[in-house]
C-alpha atoms as a PDB file:
ATOM      1  CA  UNK A   1      32.408  14.852 -84.294  1.00  0.00           C
ATOM      2  CA  UNK A   2      32.384  12.575 -81.177  1.00  0.00           C
ATOM      3  CA  UNK A   3      35.802   9.846 -80.335  1.00  0.00           C
ATOM      4  CA  UNK A   4      34.031   7.937 -78.016  1.00  0.00           C
ATOM      5  CA  UNK A   5      30.682   7.632 -80.420  1.00  0.00           C
ATOM      6  CA  UNK A   6      33.345   6.740 -83.519  1.00  0.00           C
ATOM      7  CA  UNK A   7      35.128   4.047 -81.068  1.00  0.00           C
ATOM      8  CA  UNK A   8      31.705   3.189 -80.319  1.00  0.00           C
ATOM      9  CA  UNK A   9      30.474   2.603 -84.201  1.00  0.00           C
ATOM     10  CA  UNK A  10      33.812   0.769 -84.551  1.00  0.00           C
ATOM     11  CA  UNK A  11      34.145  -1.119 -82.017  1.00  0.00           C
ATOM     12  CA  UNK A  12      29.996  -2.476 -82.777  1.00  0.00           C
ATOM     13  CA  UNK A  13      30.837  -2.795 -86.484  1.00  0.00           C
ATOM     14  CA  UNK A  14      34.085  -5.549 -85.591  1.00  0.00           C
ATOM     15  CA  UNK A  15      31.864  -7.928 -83.600  1.00  0.00           C
ATOM     16  CA  UNK A  16      29.760  -7.819 -86.479  1.00  0.00           C
ATOM     17  CA  UNK A  17      32.238  -8.899 -89.131  1.00  0.00           C
ATOM     18  CA  UNK A  18      34.003 -11.193 -86.228  1.00  0.00           C
ATOM     19  CA  UNK A  19      30.027 -12.612 -85.221  1.00  0.00           C
ATOM     20  CA  UNK A  20      29.787 -13.018 -89.563  1.00  0.00           C
ATOM     21  CA  UNK A  21      32.824 -14.439 -90.599  1.00  0.00           C
ATOM     22  CA  UNK A  22      33.172 -16.523 -87.681  1.00  0.00           C
ATOM     23  CA  UNK A  23      29.304 -18.145 -88.550  1.00  0.00           C
ATOM     24  CA  UNK A  24      30.632 -18.360 -91.869  1.00  0.00           C
ATOM     25  CA  UNK A  25      33.944 -19.655 -90.896  1.00  0.00           C
ATOM     26  CA  UNK A  26      32.337 -22.444 -88.519  1.00  0.00           C
ATOM     27  CA  UNK A  27      29.221 -22.924 -90.617  1.00  0.00           C
ATOM     28  CA  UNK A  28      29.748 -26.619 -91.703  1.00  0.00           C
ATOM     29  CA  UNK A  29      31.393 -27.339 -88.269  1.00  0.00           C
ATOM     30  CA  UNK A  30      27.867 -26.516 -86.662  1.00  0.00           C
ATOM     31  CA  UNK A  31      26.296 -28.376 -89.247  1.00  0.00           C
ATOM     32  CA  UNK A  32      27.953 -31.806 -87.871  1.00  0.00           C
ATOM     33  CA  UNK A  33      27.503 -30.564 -84.431  1.00  0.00           C
ATOM     34  CA  UNK A  34      23.687 -28.901 -83.764  1.00  0.00           C
ATOM     35  CA  UNK A  35      21.957 -30.408 -87.268  1.00  0.00           C
ATOM     36  CA  UNK A  36      20.815 -28.718 -90.170  1.00  0.00           C
ATOM     37  CA  UNK A  37      18.088 -27.694 -88.864  1.00  0.00           C
ATOM     38  CA  UNK A  38      19.629 -25.233 -85.435  1.00  0.00           C
ATOM     39  CA  UNK A  39      21.832 -24.067 -87.791  1.00  0.00           C
ATOM     40  CA  UNK A  40      19.057 -22.421 -90.142  1.00  0.00           C
ATOM     41  CA  UNK A  41      18.560 -19.982 -87.959  1.00  0.00           C
ATOM     42  CA  UNK A  42      21.695 -19.443 -87.080  1.00  0.00           C
ATOM     43  CA  UNK A  43      23.805 -18.327 -90.080  1.00  0.00           C
ATOM     44  CA  UNK A  44      20.243 -16.061 -91.542  1.00  0.00           C
ATOM     45  CA  UNK A  45      20.966 -14.013 -87.912  1.00  0.00           C
ATOM     46  CA  UNK A  46      24.554 -14.147 -88.538  1.00  0.00           C
ATOM     47  CA  UNK A  47      23.462 -12.716 -92.437  1.00  0.00           C
ATOM     48  CA  UNK A  48      20.944 -10.510 -91.060  1.00  0.00           C
ATOM     49  CA  UNK A  49      23.053  -8.858 -88.656  1.00  0.00           C
ATOM     50  CA  UNK A  50      24.851  -7.245 -91.271  1.00  0.00           C
ATOM     51  CA  UNK A  51      21.832  -4.787 -92.949  1.00  0.00           C
ATOM     52  CA  UNK A  52      19.535  -4.117 -89.616  1.00  0.00           C
ATOM     53  CA  UNK A  53      22.830  -2.892 -87.611  1.00  0.00           C
ATOM     54  CA  UNK A  54      22.355  -0.226 -88.732  1.00  0.00           C
ATOM     55  CA  UNK A  55      18.827   0.349 -88.547  1.00  0.00           C
ATOM     56  CA  UNK A  56      19.122  -0.421 -84.880  1.00  0.00           C
ATOM     57  CA  UNK A  57      21.473   1.262 -83.860  1.00  0.00           C
ATOM     58  CA  UNK A  58      20.213   4.890 -85.814  1.00  0.00           C
ATOM     59  CA  UNK A  59      17.033   3.948 -84.053  1.00  0.00           C
ATOM     60  CA  UNK A  60      17.970   3.989 -80.693  1.00  0.00           C
ATOM     61  CA  UNK A  61      21.040   6.443 -81.100  1.00  0.00           C
ATOM     62  CA  UNK A  62      20.287   9.153 -83.536  1.00  0.00           C
ATOM     63  CA  UNK A  63      24.177   9.055 -83.761  1.00  0.00           C
ATOM     64  CA  UNK A  64      24.428   9.558 -87.602  1.00  0.00           C
ATOM     65  CA  UNK A  65      28.185   8.689 -88.062  1.00  0.00           C
ATOM     66  CA  UNK A  66      28.385   6.052 -86.363  1.00  0.00           C
ATOM     67  CA  UNK A  67      25.408   4.556 -88.165  1.00  0.00           C
ATOM     68  CA  UNK A  68      26.612   5.341 -91.099  1.00  0.00           C
ATOM     69  CA  UNK A  69      29.999   3.294 -89.796  1.00  0.00           C
ATOM     70  CA  UNK A  70      28.233   0.769 -88.483  1.00  0.00           C
ATOM     71  CA  UNK A  71      25.753   0.635 -92.044  1.00  0.00           C
ATOM     72  CA  UNK A  72      30.121   0.695 -94.124  1.00  0.00           C
ATOM     73  CA  UNK A  73      32.350  -1.031 -92.169  1.00  0.00           C
ATOM     74  CA  UNK A  74      30.973  -4.501 -91.625  1.00  0.00           C
ATOM     75  CA  UNK A  75      30.599  -5.085 -95.332  1.00  0.00           C
ATOM     76  CA  UNK A  76      33.950  -4.053 -95.859  1.00  0.00           C
ATOM     77  CA  UNK A  77      35.031  -6.565 -93.567  1.00  0.00           C
ATOM     78  CA  UNK A  78      32.692  -9.305 -94.845  1.00  0.00           C
ATOM     79  CA  UNK A  79      35.050  -8.253 -98.093  1.00  0.00           C
ATOM     80  CA  UNK A  80      37.969  -8.180 -96.694  1.00  0.00           C
ATOM     81  CA  UNK A  81      38.039 -11.888 -95.047  1.00  0.00           C
ATOM     82  CA  UNK A  82      36.725 -13.634 -98.258  1.00  0.00           C
ATOM     83  CA  UNK A  83      38.881 -11.844-101.016  1.00  0.00           C
ATOM     84  CA  UNK A  84      42.144 -10.729 -98.925  1.00  0.00           C
ATOM     85  CA  UNK A  85      44.876 -13.523 -99.619  1.00  0.00           C
ATOM     86  CA  UNK A  86      43.214 -13.086-103.260  1.00  0.00           C
ATOM     87  CA  UNK A  87      44.026  -8.745-103.646  1.00  0.00           C
ATOM     88  CA  UNK A  88      47.248  -9.681-102.056  1.00  0.00           C
ATOM     89  CA  UNK A  89      48.744 -12.593-104.199  1.00  0.00           C
ATOM     90  CA  UNK A  90      47.357 -10.422-107.446  1.00  0.00           C
ATOM     91  CA  UNK A  91      44.948 -12.553-108.365  1.00  0.00           C
ATOM     92  CA  UNK A  92      41.688 -10.369-107.835  1.00  0.00           C
ATOM     93  CA  UNK A  93      40.731  -8.993-111.042  1.00  0.00           C
ATOM     94  CA  UNK A  94      36.512  -9.036-110.275  1.00  0.00           C
ATOM     95  CA  UNK A  95      35.017  -5.576-111.309  1.00  0.00           C
ATOM     96  CA  UNK A  96      31.241  -7.621-110.822  1.00  0.00           C
ATOM     97  CA  UNK A  97      32.960  -8.636-107.155  1.00  0.00           C
ATOM     98  CA  UNK A  98      33.999  -5.089-106.164  1.00  0.00           C
ATOM     99  CA  UNK A  99      30.535  -3.311-107.057  1.00  0.00           C
ATOM    100  CA  UNK A 100      28.409  -6.094-105.695  1.00  0.00           C
ATOM    101  CA  UNK A 101      30.548  -5.474-102.371  1.00  0.00           C
ATOM    102  CA  UNK A 102      30.258  -1.843-102.724  1.00  0.00           C
ATOM    103  CA  UNK A 103      26.350  -1.475-103.249  1.00  0.00           C
ATOM    104  CA  UNK A 104      25.955  -3.699-100.427  1.00  0.00           C
ATOM    105  CA  UNK A 105      28.348  -1.065 -98.084  1.00  0.00           C
ATOM    106  CA  UNK A 106      26.997   2.161-100.150  1.00  0.00           C
ATOM    107  CA  UNK A 107      22.771   0.874 -98.987  1.00  0.00           C
ATOM    108  CA  UNK A 108      24.127  -0.117 -95.473  1.00  0.00           C
ATOM    109  CA  UNK A 109      25.732   3.347 -94.812  1.00  0.00           C
ATOM    110  CA  UNK A 110      22.153   4.605 -96.603  1.00  0.00           C
ATOM    111  CA  UNK A 111      19.982   2.439 -93.685  1.00  0.00           C
ATOM    112  CA  UNK A 112      22.108   3.786 -91.229  1.00  0.00           C
ATOM    113  CA  UNK A 113      21.951   7.511 -92.118  1.00  0.00           C
ATOM    114  CA  UNK A 114      18.299   7.828 -92.734  1.00  0.00           C
ATOM    115  CA  UNK A 115      17.839   5.648 -89.765  1.00  0.00           C
ATOM    116  CA  UNK A 116      19.122   8.185 -87.836  1.00  0.00           C
ATOM    117  CA  UNK A 117      17.040  10.956 -88.818  1.00  0.00           C
ATOM    118  CA  UNK A 118      14.063  12.152 -86.750  1.00  0.00           C
ATOM    119  CA  UNK A 119      11.464  12.123 -89.249  1.00  0.00           C
ATOM    120  CA  UNK A 120       9.433   9.113 -89.756  1.00  0.00           C
ATOM    121  CA  UNK A 121      10.022   9.681 -94.490  1.00  0.00           C
ATOM    122  CA  UNK A 122      13.380   8.884 -93.301  1.00  0.00           C
ATOM    123  CA  UNK A 123      12.798   5.424 -91.368  1.00  0.00           C
ATOM    124  CA  UNK A 124      10.846   4.633 -94.526  1.00  0.00           C
ATOM    125  CA  UNK A 125      13.598   5.046 -96.652  1.00  0.00           C
ATOM    126  CA  UNK A 126      15.996   2.896 -93.920  1.00  0.00           C
ATOM    127  CA  UNK A 127      13.179   0.214 -94.468  1.00  0.00           C
ATOM    128  CA  UNK A 128      13.542   0.968 -98.825  1.00  0.00           C
ATOM    129  CA  UNK A 129      17.237   0.676 -98.324  1.00  0.00           C
ATOM    130  CA  UNK A 130      17.149  -2.454 -96.160  1.00  0.00           C
ATOM    131  CA  UNK A 131      14.804  -4.379 -98.547  1.00  0.00           C
ATOM    132  CA  UNK A 132      16.575  -3.285-101.736  1.00  0.00           C
ATOM    133  CA  UNK A 133      20.030  -4.612 -99.574  1.00  0.00           C
ATOM    134  CA  UNK A 134      18.425  -8.177 -98.893  1.00  0.00           C
ATOM    135  CA  UNK A 135      17.500  -8.268-102.253  1.00  0.00           C
ATOM    136  CA  UNK A 136      20.541  -7.632-103.929  1.00  0.00           C
ATOM    137  CA  UNK A 137      22.698  -9.955-102.009  1.00  0.00           C
ATOM    138  CA  UNK A 138      20.526 -12.525-102.959  1.00  0.00           C
ATOM    139  CA  UNK A 139      20.876 -12.395-106.212  1.00  0.00           C
ATOM    140  CA  UNK A 140      24.526 -11.327-106.153  1.00  0.00           C
ATOM    141  CA  UNK A 141      25.134 -14.887-104.463  1.00  0.00           C
ATOM    142  CA  UNK A 142      22.054 -16.592-106.183  1.00  0.00           C
ATOM    143  CA  UNK A 143      23.605 -15.636-109.672  1.00  0.00           C
END
């Protein structure tokens, strides 16, 4: 294991978490400042950053472990940002929420792993995992 690659992937994961949660927290202020029309692409970009980052990192670096880290850590970070206060207070009891974020984390890790492989069939699997990630994400928050 290369400590440098793991450190870089953890830094990238932290930046993804910061961007995603920052846009989430600032969305109302952005709407008031720049309007709905300009806020939508920013929110869409921050949302798509979660499933696209492991694919891009895997395709560029071919680092399997780092790609899996970039697929899993941001989803866990988003979960903790949303639910950490409930977990600490003892009020968190939703197994559906744990399953939802767990599936997203697993799919993100699989995206990164498959994208880091050199064969085209694995890259197709990464794209399929991306599509599953998007469907589960949209249905999970839409239900």
